[in-house]
Amino acid sequence: MKVVLGRDDLAAAAETAVKETGTPFERLDIRPVHKASRGFLDGAGADLCELAIVTLLQAVAQGRKVLLLPVTALGRDQHQTLVTLGRLTVHDVEGHTVGVRAWSQTTGVWVRGFLTEQYGVDLRTIDWRTYEGAHVDGYDDPSWVTRAPQGAKLPADFLQGRVDFGIMGNELPADDRIRTAIDDARAVAAQWAASTGFTPVNHVVGMTETAAREHAPALLAAFDAMRTAAAAAPTAAVDPVGFAALRAPFTRAAAYALEQEVIPRAVEFDEIVDRTCAALGVPASRLGG
């Protein structure tokens, strides 16, 4: 079984559990992990793969044979990822240029959802600038979104003033001039999480349908081991495991994605649950449903 997991604790737990079932285990060293997504979705990469929640939603909407193993690999606050260099704030975002690495980037989907939901922003009044396409072939940016010139990079465009705001997580450059567009962004994020009952989920664990049908005992053992490892991690409070725990984050992310034309149709969480359970031959309760 070929595996891509960015977190060492989850990878180690999965490796031990899978090998105990007699199934070979090979961890592929692909960093950053999002670079493994395309091969995984095309059936030419990993059997078990960490991937963005929005990438999984796009794949499900397109009928790809990939499934959710309900483990969160990365959850985090997102309000602080909308940044600016000047005096502009989130209340000024309409009519200005906002850069985001890709329209389907999960961080961008969460932030745009906050803009509409919490600040009443009309997304179509913003001059959106993207720099990459989706990891799932067949998806294009909406007609009201502009692709930056080939070779352009968001951090450079942001620092040099070619975009007014940037949505950046791990790619945020180090510069003392940068500040969050939302005042007290961390406090706002904490309030949002308290009101919804969850912290935004970025990465989950996916598996191919072929692997689920051929290696169900190994994958169930890996789920049990990763659930134990996640519960022991310092980030346990923001890394939900199991179908019940992931229902709310997935449902909210899917609603945002549909509103933003990231997915072409509504994706219900029960559809994701049913497909996983059918392939593994277990009830939802076996995976925390």
C-alpha atoms as a PDB file:
ATOM      1  CA  MET A   1       0.000   0.000   0.000  1.00  0.00           C
ATOM      2  CA  LYS A   2       1.421   3.377  -1.048  1.00  0.00           C
ATOM      3  CA  VAL A   3       0.731   6.189   1.395  1.00  0.00           C
ATOM      4  CA  VAL A   4       1.194   9.979   1.422  1.00  0.00           C
ATOM      5  CA  LEU A   5       0.711  11.601   4.832  1.00  0.00           C
ATOM      6  CA  GLY A   6       2.325  14.862   5.838  1.00  0.00           C
ATOM      7  CA  ARG A   7       2.025  14.275   9.571  1.00  0.00           C
ATOM      8  CA  ASP A   8       4.626  11.920  10.970  1.00  0.00           C
ATOM      9  CA  ASP A   9       2.436  10.814  13.890  1.00  0.00           C
ATOM     10  CA  LEU A  10      -0.389   9.724  11.604  1.00  0.00           C
ATOM     11  CA  ALA A  11       2.007   8.069   9.180  1.00  0.00           C
ATOM     12  CA  ALA A  12       3.776   6.107  11.922  1.00  0.00           C
ATOM     13  CA  ALA A  13       0.492   4.944  13.419  1.00  0.00           C
ATOM     14  CA  ALA A  14      -0.865   3.887  10.045  1.00  0.00           C
ATOM     15  CA  GLU A  15       2.346   2.061   9.119  1.00  0.00           C
ATOM     16  CA  THR A  16       2.362  -0.036  12.277  1.00  0.00           C
ATOM     17  CA  ALA A  17      -1.309  -0.926  11.943  1.00  0.00           C
ATOM     18  CA  VAL A  18      -1.159  -1.773   8.242  1.00  0.00           C
ATOM     19  CA  LYS A  19       1.920  -3.970   8.593  1.00  0.00           C
ATOM     20  CA  GLU A  20       0.273  -5.883  11.442  1.00  0.00           C
ATOM     21  CA  THR A  21      -2.403  -6.991   8.975  1.00  0.00           C
ATOM     22  CA  GLY A  22       0.295  -8.388   6.682  1.00  0.00           C
ATOM     23  CA  THR A  23      -0.137  -5.645   4.069  1.00  0.00           C
ATOM     24  CA  PRO A  24       3.035  -4.017   2.690  1.00  0.00           C
ATOM     25  CA  PHE A  25       3.366  -0.304   3.497  1.00  0.00           C
ATOM     26  CA  GLU A  26       5.340   2.309   1.584  1.00  0.00           C
ATOM     27  CA  ARG A  27       5.293   5.971   2.620  1.00  0.00           C
ATOM     28  CA  LEU A  28       5.941   8.209  -0.374  1.00  0.00           C
ATOM     29  CA  ASP A  29       7.925  11.349   0.439  1.00  0.00           C
ATOM     30  CA  ILE A  30       6.005  14.012  -1.488  1.00  0.00           C
ATOM     31  CA  ARG A  31       6.183  17.501  -0.031  1.00  0.00           C
ATOM     32  CA  PRO A  32       4.196  19.632   0.086  1.00  0.00           C
ATOM     33  CA  VAL A  33       1.537  16.954   0.211  1.00  0.00           C
ATOM     34  CA  HIS A  34      -0.831  18.752  -2.165  1.00  0.00           C
ATOM     35  CA  LYS A  35       1.560  17.812  -4.976  1.00  0.00           C
ATOM     36  CA  ALA A  36       0.435  14.196  -4.524  1.00  0.00           C
ATOM     37  CA  SER A  37      -3.223  15.024  -5.181  1.00  0.00           C
ATOM     38  CA  ARG A  38      -3.285  14.815  -8.967  1.00  0.00           C
ATOM     39  CA  GLY A  39      -1.576  11.418  -9.130  1.00  0.00           C
ATOM     40  CA  PHE A  40      -3.844  10.085  -6.389  1.00  0.00           C
ATOM     41  CA  LEU A  41      -6.985  11.255  -8.182  1.00  0.00           C
ATOM     42  CA  ASP A  42      -5.779   9.809 -11.478  1.00  0.00           C
ATOM     43  CA  GLY A  43      -5.145   6.402  -9.897  1.00  0.00           C
ATOM     44  CA  ALA A  44      -1.427   6.556 -10.584  1.00  0.00           C
ATOM     45  CA  GLY A  45      -0.176   7.606  -7.159  1.00  0.00           C
ATOM     46  CA  ALA A  46      -0.886   6.711  -3.558  1.00  0.00           C
ATOM     47  CA  ASP A  47      -3.582   4.340  -2.318  1.00  0.00           C
ATOM     48  CA  LEU A  48      -4.039   6.360   0.876  1.00  0.00           C
ATOM     49  CA  CYS A  49      -3.394  10.084   0.557  1.00  0.00           C
ATOM     50  CA  GLU A  50      -3.719  13.278   2.541  1.00  0.00           C
ATOM     51  CA  LEU A  51      -5.572  15.830   0.447  1.00  0.00           C
ATOM     52  CA  ALA A  52      -7.488  19.056   0.765  1.00  0.00           C
ATOM     53  CA  ILE A  53     -11.148  18.812   1.718  1.00  0.00           C
ATOM     54  CA  VAL A  54     -12.137  20.858  -1.346  1.00  0.00           C
ATOM     55  CA  THR A  55     -10.112  18.600  -3.641  1.00  0.00           C
ATOM     56  CA  LEU A  56     -12.058  15.629  -2.289  1.00  0.00           C
ATOM     57  CA  LEU A  57     -15.357  17.472  -2.783  1.00  0.00           C
ATOM     58  CA  GLN A  58     -14.434  18.269  -6.392  1.00  0.00           C
ATOM     59  CA  ALA A  59     -13.457  14.656  -7.017  1.00  0.00           C
ATOM     60  CA  VAL A  60     -16.721  13.347  -5.556  1.00  0.00           C
ATOM     61  CA  ALA A  61     -18.731  15.850  -7.598  1.00  0.00           C
ATOM     62  CA  GLN A  62     -16.971  14.589 -10.710  1.00  0.00           C
ATOM     63  CA  GLY A  63     -17.559  10.929  -9.888  1.00  0.00           C
ATOM     64  CA  ARG A  64     -13.921  10.027  -9.302  1.00  0.00           C
ATOM     65  CA  LYS A  65     -13.317   6.710  -7.550  1.00  0.00           C
ATOM     66  CA  VAL A  66     -11.860   8.214  -4.400  1.00  0.00           C
ATOM     67  CA  LEU A  67     -13.261   7.966  -0.902  1.00  0.00           C
ATOM     68  CA  LEU A  68     -12.966   9.583   2.505  1.00  0.00           C
ATOM     69  CA  LEU A  69     -11.303   7.794   5.402  1.00  0.00           C
ATOM     70  CA  PRO A  70     -12.647  10.199   8.057  1.00  0.00           C
ATOM     71  CA  VAL A  71      -9.451  11.481   9.636  1.00  0.00           C
ATOM     72  CA  THR A  72      -8.439  15.144   9.729  1.00  0.00           C
ATOM     73  CA  ALA A  73      -4.781  15.664   8.870  1.00  0.00           C
ATOM     74  CA  LEU A  74      -4.886  19.461   9.206  1.00  0.00           C
ATOM     75  CA  GLY A  75      -7.372  21.801  10.841  1.00  0.00           C
ATOM     76  CA  ARG A  76      -6.697  25.450  11.630  1.00  0.00           C
ATOM     77  CA  ASP A  77      -8.133  28.938  12.008  1.00  0.00           C
ATOM     78  CA  GLN A  78      -8.448  30.747   8.669  1.00  0.00           C
ATOM     79  CA  HIS A  79      -9.588  34.310   9.354  1.00  0.00           C
ATOM     80  CA  GLN A  80      -5.981  35.481   9.751  1.00  0.00           C
ATOM     81  CA  THR A  81      -5.053  34.367   6.224  1.00  0.00           C
ATOM     82  CA  LEU A  82      -6.695  37.406   4.599  1.00  0.00           C
ATOM     83  CA  VAL A  83      -3.898  39.957   4.719  1.00  0.00           C
ATOM     84  CA  THR A  84      -3.025  43.425   3.442  1.00  0.00           C
ATOM     85  CA  LEU A  85      -0.099  45.840   3.480  1.00  0.00           C
ATOM     86  CA  GLY A  86      -1.964  49.129   3.659  1.00  0.00           C
ATOM     87  CA  ARG A  87      -4.746  50.704   5.669  1.00  0.00           C
ATOM     88  CA  LEU A  88      -7.463  48.680   3.971  1.00  0.00           C
ATOM     89  CA  THR A  89      -9.596  46.342   6.072  1.00  0.00           C
ATOM     90  CA  VAL A  90     -12.025  43.541   5.334  1.00  0.00           C
ATOM     91  CA  HIS A  91     -14.737  46.196   5.013  1.00  0.00           C
ATOM     92  CA  ASP A  92     -12.916  47.621   1.987  1.00  0.00           C
ATOM     93  CA  VAL A  93     -12.501  44.384   0.081  1.00  0.00           C
ATOM     94  CA  GLU A  94     -15.301  45.031  -2.431  1.00  0.00           C
ATOM     95  CA  GLY A  95     -13.918  46.835  -5.467  1.00  0.00           C
ATOM     96  CA  HIS A  96     -10.326  45.850  -4.738  1.00  0.00           C
ATOM     97  CA  THR A  97      -7.981  43.144  -6.003  1.00  0.00           C
ATOM     98  CA  VAL A  98      -7.615  39.947  -3.970  1.00  0.00           C
ATOM     99  CA  GLY A  99      -5.053  37.296  -4.845  1.00  0.00           C
ATOM    100  CA  VAL A 100      -5.364  33.612  -3.962  1.00  0.00           C
ATOM    101  CA  ARG A 101      -3.115  30.782  -5.119  1.00  0.00           C
ATOM    102  CA  ALA A 102      -5.969  28.813  -6.677  1.00  0.00           C
ATOM    103  CA  TRP A 103      -9.726  29.322  -6.747  1.00  0.00           C
ATOM    104  CA  SER A 104     -10.130  25.780  -5.406  1.00  0.00           C
ATOM    105  CA  GLN A 105      -7.564  26.224  -2.628  1.00  0.00           C
ATOM    106  CA  THR A 106      -9.322  25.228   0.586  1.00  0.00           C
ATOM    107  CA  THR A 107      -8.069  28.241   2.538  1.00  0.00           C
ATOM    108  CA  GLY A 108      -9.583  30.516  -0.089  1.00  0.00           C
ATOM    109  CA  VAL A 109     -12.925  28.692   0.010  1.00  0.00           C
ATOM    110  CA  TRP A 110     -13.141  29.138   3.786  1.00  0.00           C
ATOM    111  CA  VAL A 111     -12.163  32.817   3.660  1.00  0.00           C
ATOM    112  CA  ARG A 112     -14.611  33.645   0.856  1.00  0.00           C
ATOM    113  CA  GLY A 113     -17.296  31.886   2.867  1.00  0.00           C
ATOM    114  CA  PHE A 114     -16.516  34.119   5.845  1.00  0.00           C
ATOM    115  CA  LEU A 115     -16.637  37.201   3.608  1.00  0.00           C
ATOM    116  CA  THR A 116     -20.166  36.458   2.428  1.00  0.00           C
ATOM    117  CA  GLU A 117     -21.481  34.998   5.667  1.00  0.00           C
ATOM    118  CA  GLN A 118     -20.004  37.350   8.261  1.00  0.00           C
ATOM    119  CA  TYR A 119     -19.330  40.541   6.314  1.00  0.00           C
ATOM    120  CA  GLY A 120     -22.034  40.559   3.646  1.00  0.00           C
ATOM    121  CA  VAL A 121     -19.524  40.786   0.804  1.00  0.00           C
ATOM    122  CA  ASP A 122     -20.660  40.274  -2.795  1.00  0.00           C
ATOM    123  CA  LEU A 123     -17.815  38.146  -4.140  1.00  0.00           C
ATOM    124  CA  ARG A 124     -18.477  39.281  -7.708  1.00  0.00           C
ATOM    125  CA  THR A 125     -17.604  42.893  -6.839  1.00  0.00           C
ATOM    126  CA  ILE A 126     -14.003  41.849  -6.116  1.00  0.00           C
ATOM    127  CA  ASP A 127     -11.240  41.691  -8.712  1.00  0.00           C
ATOM    128  CA  TRP A 128     -10.073  38.133  -8.011  1.00  0.00           C
ATOM    129  CA  ARG A 129      -6.620  37.035  -9.169  1.00  0.00           C
ATOM    130  CA  THR A 130      -5.597  33.342  -9.216  1.00  0.00           C
ATOM    131  CA  TYR A 131      -2.227  31.777  -9.981  1.00  0.00           C
ATOM    132  CA  GLU A 132      -2.882  28.041 -10.405  1.00  0.00           C
ATOM    133  CA  GLY A 133      -5.620  25.697 -11.557  1.00  0.00           C
ATOM    134  CA  ALA A 134      -7.380  22.983  -9.596  1.00  0.00           C
ATOM    135  CA  HIS A 135      -5.817  19.626  -8.735  1.00  0.00           C
ATOM    136  CA  VAL A 136      -8.843  17.974 -10.347  1.00  0.00           C
ATOM    137  CA  ASP A 137      -8.844  18.137 -14.142  1.00  0.00           C
ATOM    138  CA  GLY A 138     -11.981  19.524 -15.735  1.00  0.00           C
ATOM    139  CA  TYR A 139     -12.529  22.508 -13.454  1.00  0.00           C
ATOM    140  CA  ASP A 140     -11.943  26.071 -14.588  1.00  0.00           C
ATOM    141  CA  ASP A 141     -12.117  29.293 -12.613  1.00  0.00           C
ATOM    142  CA  PRO A 142     -15.485  31.079 -12.758  1.00  0.00           C
ATOM    143  CA  SER A 143     -15.882  33.593 -15.573  1.00  0.00           C
ATOM    144  CA  TRP A 144     -15.657  36.461 -13.079  1.00  0.00           C
ATOM    145  CA  VAL A 145     -12.166  35.423 -11.884  1.00  0.00           C
ATOM    146  CA  THR A 146      -8.922  36.475 -13.629  1.00  0.00           C
ATOM    147  CA  ARG A 147      -5.820  34.290 -13.981  1.00  0.00           C
ATOM    148  CA  ALA A 148      -2.547  36.090 -13.309  1.00  0.00           C
ATOM    149  CA  PRO A 149       0.038  36.143 -16.130  1.00  0.00           C
ATOM    150  CA  GLN A 150       2.047  32.961 -16.507  1.00  0.00           C
ATOM    151  CA  GLY A 151       5.028  32.936 -14.172  1.00  0.00           C
ATOM    152  CA  ALA A 152       3.512  35.421 -11.710  1.00  0.00           C
ATOM    153  CA  LYS A 153       3.589  34.475  -8.023  1.00  0.00           C
ATOM    154  CA  LEU A 154       1.119  35.641  -5.409  1.00  0.00           C
ATOM    155  CA  PRO A 155       3.623  36.534  -2.640  1.00  0.00           C
ATOM    156  CA  ALA A 156       5.613  38.741  -5.027  1.00  0.00           C
ATOM    157  CA  ASP A 157       2.513  40.399  -6.490  1.00  0.00           C
ATOM    158  CA  PHE A 158       1.245  41.067  -2.986  1.00  0.00           C
ATOM    159  CA  LEU A 159       4.471  42.558  -1.638  1.00  0.00           C
ATOM    160  CA  GLN A 160       4.898  44.702  -4.748  1.00  0.00           C
ATOM    161  CA  GLY A 161       1.350  46.075  -4.544  1.00  0.00           C
ATOM    162  CA  ARG A 162      -0.105  44.446  -7.650  1.00  0.00           C
ATOM    163  CA  VAL A 163      -2.915  43.017  -5.503  1.00  0.00           C
ATOM    164  CA  ASP A 164      -4.514  44.832  -2.577  1.00  0.00           C
ATOM    165  CA  PHE A 165      -5.244  41.773  -0.456  1.00  0.00           C
ATOM    166  CA  GLY A 166      -3.871  38.251  -0.370  1.00  0.00           C
ATOM    167  CA  ILE A 167      -5.278  34.995   0.977  1.00  0.00           C
ATOM    168  CA  MET A 168      -2.206  33.115   2.112  1.00  0.00           C
ATOM    169  CA  GLY A 169      -1.569  30.365   4.627  1.00  0.00           C
ATOM    170  CA  ASN A 170       1.747  28.534   4.480  1.00  0.00           C
ATOM    171  CA  GLU A 171       2.944  30.701   1.583  1.00  0.00           C
ATOM    172  CA  LEU A 172       2.670  33.942   3.582  1.00  0.00           C
ATOM    173  CA  PRO A 173       5.971  35.816   3.180  1.00  0.00           C
ATOM    174  CA  ALA A 174       7.862  37.239   6.149  1.00  0.00           C
ATOM    175  CA  ASP A 175       7.438  41.002   6.097  1.00  0.00           C
ATOM    176  CA  ASP A 176       6.756  43.337   9.009  1.00  0.00           C
ATOM    177  CA  ARG A 177       4.377  45.416   6.887  1.00  0.00           C
ATOM    178  CA  ILE A 178       1.847  42.595   6.582  1.00  0.00           C
ATOM    179  CA  ARG A 179      -1.212  42.687   8.780  1.00  0.00           C
ATOM    180  CA  THR A 180      -4.504  40.851   8.907  1.00  0.00           C
ATOM    181  CA  ALA A 181      -7.402  42.528   7.130  1.00  0.00           C
ATOM    182  CA  ILE A 182      -9.741  41.369   9.911  1.00  0.00           C
ATOM    183  CA  ASP A 183      -9.045  43.102  13.218  1.00  0.00           C
ATOM    184  CA  ASP A 184      -8.293  40.639  16.028  1.00  0.00           C
ATOM    185  CA  ALA A 185      -8.525  37.851  13.460  1.00  0.00           C
ATOM    186  CA  ARG A 186      -7.627  35.099  15.919  1.00  0.00           C
ATOM    187  CA  ALA A 187     -10.339  36.219  18.332  1.00  0.00           C
ATOM    188  CA  VAL A 188     -12.865  36.392  15.485  1.00  0.00           C
ATOM    189  CA  ALA A 189     -11.825  32.894  14.413  1.00  0.00           C
ATOM    190  CA  ALA A 190     -12.294  31.606  17.946  1.00  0.00           C
ATOM    191  CA  GLN A 191     -15.767  33.131  18.101  1.00  0.00           C
ATOM    192  CA  TRP A 192     -16.662  31.598  14.742  1.00  0.00           C
ATOM    193  CA  ALA A 193     -15.467  28.170  15.888  1.00  0.00           C
ATOM    194  CA  ALA A 194     -17.441  28.488  19.122  1.00  0.00           C
ATOM    195  CA  SER A 195     -20.612  29.381  17.217  1.00  0.00           C
ATOM    196  CA  THR A 196     -20.277  26.574  14.644  1.00  0.00           C
ATOM    197  CA  GLY A 197     -18.813  23.942  16.940  1.00  0.00           C
ATOM    198  CA  PHE A 198     -15.722  23.276  14.837  1.00  0.00           C
ATOM    199  CA  THR A 199     -12.477  24.748  13.548  1.00  0.00           C
ATOM    200  CA  PRO A 200     -12.130  24.808   9.732  1.00  0.00           C
ATOM    201  CA  VAL A 201     -10.729  21.596   8.271  1.00  0.00           C
ATOM    202  CA  ASN A 202      -8.140  21.876   5.508  1.00  0.00           C
ATOM    203  CA  HIS A 203      -6.771  18.372   4.923  1.00  0.00           C
ATOM    204  CA  VAL A 204      -8.356  14.959   5.353  1.00  0.00           C
ATOM    205  CA  VAL A 205      -7.319  11.426   4.445  1.00  0.00           C
ATOM    206  CA  GLY A 206      -8.556   9.945   1.192  1.00  0.00           C
ATOM    207  CA  MET A 207      -8.275   6.468  -0.275  1.00  0.00           C
ATOM    208  CA  THR A 208      -8.922   4.937  -3.657  1.00  0.00           C
ATOM    209  CA  GLU A 209     -11.990   2.784  -4.087  1.00  0.00           C
ATOM    210  CA  THR A 210      -9.767  -0.029  -5.345  1.00  0.00           C
ATOM    211  CA  ALA A 211      -7.661   0.036  -2.180  1.00  0.00           C
ATOM    212  CA  ALA A 212     -10.777   0.121   0.005  1.00  0.00           C
ATOM    213  CA  ARG A 213     -12.180  -2.991  -1.633  1.00  0.00           C
ATOM    214  CA  GLU A 214      -8.877  -4.893  -1.719  1.00  0.00           C
ATOM    215  CA  HIS A 215      -7.408  -3.869   1.649  1.00  0.00           C
ATOM    216  CA  ALA A 216     -10.400  -3.148   3.886  1.00  0.00           C
ATOM    217  CA  PRO A 217      -8.928  -4.765   7.043  1.00  0.00           C
ATOM    218  CA  ALA A 218      -5.673  -2.826   6.656  1.00  0.00           C
ATOM    219  CA  LEU A 219      -7.461   0.475   6.092  1.00  0.00           C
ATOM    220  CA  LEU A 220      -9.786  -0.039   9.042  1.00  0.00           C
ATOM    221  CA  ALA A 221      -6.763  -0.828  11.204  1.00  0.00           C
ATOM    222  CA  ALA A 222      -5.075   2.333   9.898  1.00  0.00           C
ATOM    223  CA  PHE A 223      -8.168   4.368  10.776  1.00  0.00           C
ATOM    224  CA  ASP A 224      -8.185   3.024  14.343  1.00  0.00           C
ATOM    225  CA  ALA A 225      -4.497   3.763  14.765  1.00  0.00           C
ATOM    226  CA  MET A 226      -4.717   7.270  13.322  1.00  0.00           C
ATOM    227  CA  ARG A 227      -7.730   8.032  15.502  1.00  0.00           C
ATOM    228  CA  THR A 228      -5.668   7.129  18.562  1.00  0.00           C
ATOM    229  CA  ALA A 229      -2.697   9.166  17.358  1.00  0.00           C
ATOM    230  CA  ALA A 230      -4.879  12.189  16.553  1.00  0.00           C
ATOM    231  CA  ALA A 231      -6.468  12.089  20.009  1.00  0.00           C
ATOM    232  CA  ALA A 232      -3.010  12.213  21.596  1.00  0.00           C
ATOM    233  CA  ALA A 233      -1.765  15.128  19.459  1.00  0.00           C
ATOM    234  CA  PRO A 234      -1.627  18.733  20.700  1.00  0.00           C
ATOM    235  CA  THR A 235      -4.019  19.647  17.870  1.00  0.00           C
ATOM    236  CA  ALA A 236      -6.653  17.102  18.910  1.00  0.00           C
ATOM    237  CA  ALA A 237      -9.239  19.810  19.584  1.00  0.00           C
ATOM    238  CA  VAL A 238      -9.136  21.006  15.957  1.00  0.00           C
ATOM    239  CA  ASP A 239      -8.532  17.688  14.164  1.00  0.00           C
ATOM    240  CA  PRO A 240     -11.858  15.808  14.251  1.00  0.00           C
ATOM    241  CA  VAL A 241     -11.921  12.104  13.435  1.00  0.00           C
ATOM    242  CA  GLY A 242     -14.944  10.040  12.420  1.00  0.00           C
ATOM    243  CA  PHE A 243     -17.967  10.697  10.253  1.00  0.00           C
ATOM    244  CA  ALA A 244     -19.998  12.375  12.982  1.00  0.00           C
ATOM    245  CA  ALA A 245     -17.195  14.805  13.830  1.00  0.00           C
ATOM    246  CA  LEU A 246     -16.519  15.672  10.185  1.00  0.00           C
ATOM    247  CA  ARG A 247     -20.143  16.130   9.114  1.00  0.00           C
ATOM    248  CA  ALA A 248     -20.392  19.813  10.068  1.00  0.00           C
ATOM    249  CA  PRO A 249     -17.039  20.921   8.554  1.00  0.00           C
ATOM    250  CA  PHE A 250     -17.726  19.020   5.319  1.00  0.00           C
ATOM    251  CA  THR A 251     -21.265  20.339   5.039  1.00  0.00           C
ATOM    252  CA  ARG A 252     -20.187  23.952   5.531  1.00  0.00           C
ATOM    253  CA  ALA A 253     -17.234  23.633   3.139  1.00  0.00           C
ATOM    254  CA  ALA A 254     -19.459  22.017   0.503  1.00  0.00           C
ATOM    255  CA  ALA A 255     -22.000  24.834   0.799  1.00  0.00           C
ATOM    256  CA  TYR A 256     -19.285  27.464   0.406  1.00  0.00           C
ATOM    257  CA  ALA A 257     -17.768  25.601  -2.548  1.00  0.00           C
ATOM    258  CA  LEU A 258     -21.103  25.384  -4.365  1.00  0.00           C
ATOM    259  CA  GLU A 259     -21.829  29.069  -3.781  1.00  0.00           C
ATOM    260  CA  GLN A 260     -18.397  29.988  -5.162  1.00  0.00           C
ATOM    261  CA  GLU A 261     -18.653  27.730  -8.250  1.00  0.00           C
ATOM    262  CA  VAL A 262     -15.833  25.514  -6.998  1.00  0.00           C
ATOM    263  CA  ILE A 263     -18.035  22.428  -7.437  1.00  0.00           C
ATOM    264  CA  PRO A 264     -20.650  22.026 -10.196  1.00  0.00           C
ATOM    265  CA  ARG A 265     -23.292  20.357  -8.029  1.00  0.00           C
ATOM    266  CA  ALA A 266     -24.226  19.983  -4.404  1.00  0.00           C
ATOM    267  CA  VAL A 267     -22.344  17.227  -2.573  1.00  0.00           C
ATOM    268  CA  GLU A 268     -24.157  15.798   0.435  1.00  0.00           C
ATOM    269  CA  PHE A 269     -22.056  14.344   3.230  1.00  0.00           C
ATOM    270  CA  ASP A 270     -24.216  11.216   3.331  1.00  0.00           C
ATOM    271  CA  GLU A 271     -23.158  10.501  -0.249  1.00  0.00           C
ATOM    272  CA  ILE A 272     -19.531  10.491   0.898  1.00  0.00           C
ATOM    273  CA  VAL A 273     -20.329   8.300   3.913  1.00  0.00           C
ATOM    274  CA  ASP A 274     -22.321   5.794   1.874  1.00  0.00           C
ATOM    275  CA  ARG A 275     -19.615   5.372  -0.748  1.00  0.00           C
ATOM    276  CA  THR A 276     -16.914   4.752   1.855  1.00  0.00           C
ATOM    277  CA  CYS A 277     -19.012   2.263   3.836  1.00  0.00           C
ATOM    278  CA  ALA A 278     -20.030   0.347   0.711  1.00  0.00           C
ATOM    279  CA  ALA A 279     -16.415  -0.044  -0.414  1.00  0.00           C
ATOM    280  CA  LEU A 280     -15.147  -1.108   3.015  1.00  0.00           C
ATOM    281  CA  GLY A 281     -18.175  -3.261   3.764  1.00  0.00           C
ATOM    282  CA  VAL A 282     -18.901  -1.684   7.147  1.00  0.00           C
ATOM    283  CA  PRO A 283     -21.654   0.437   8.729  1.00  0.00           C
ATOM    284  CA  ALA A 284     -21.033   4.112   9.354  1.00  0.00           C
ATOM    285  CA  SER A 285     -20.772   3.448  13.084  1.00  0.00           C
ATOM    286  CA  ARG A 286     -17.533   1.530  12.466  1.00  0.00           C
ATOM    287  CA  LEU A 287     -15.950   4.808  11.339  1.00  0.00           C
ATOM    288  CA  GLY A 288     -17.384   7.077  13.990  1.00  0.00           C
ATOM    289  CA  GLY A 289     -20.684   7.708  12.223  1.00  0.00           C
END
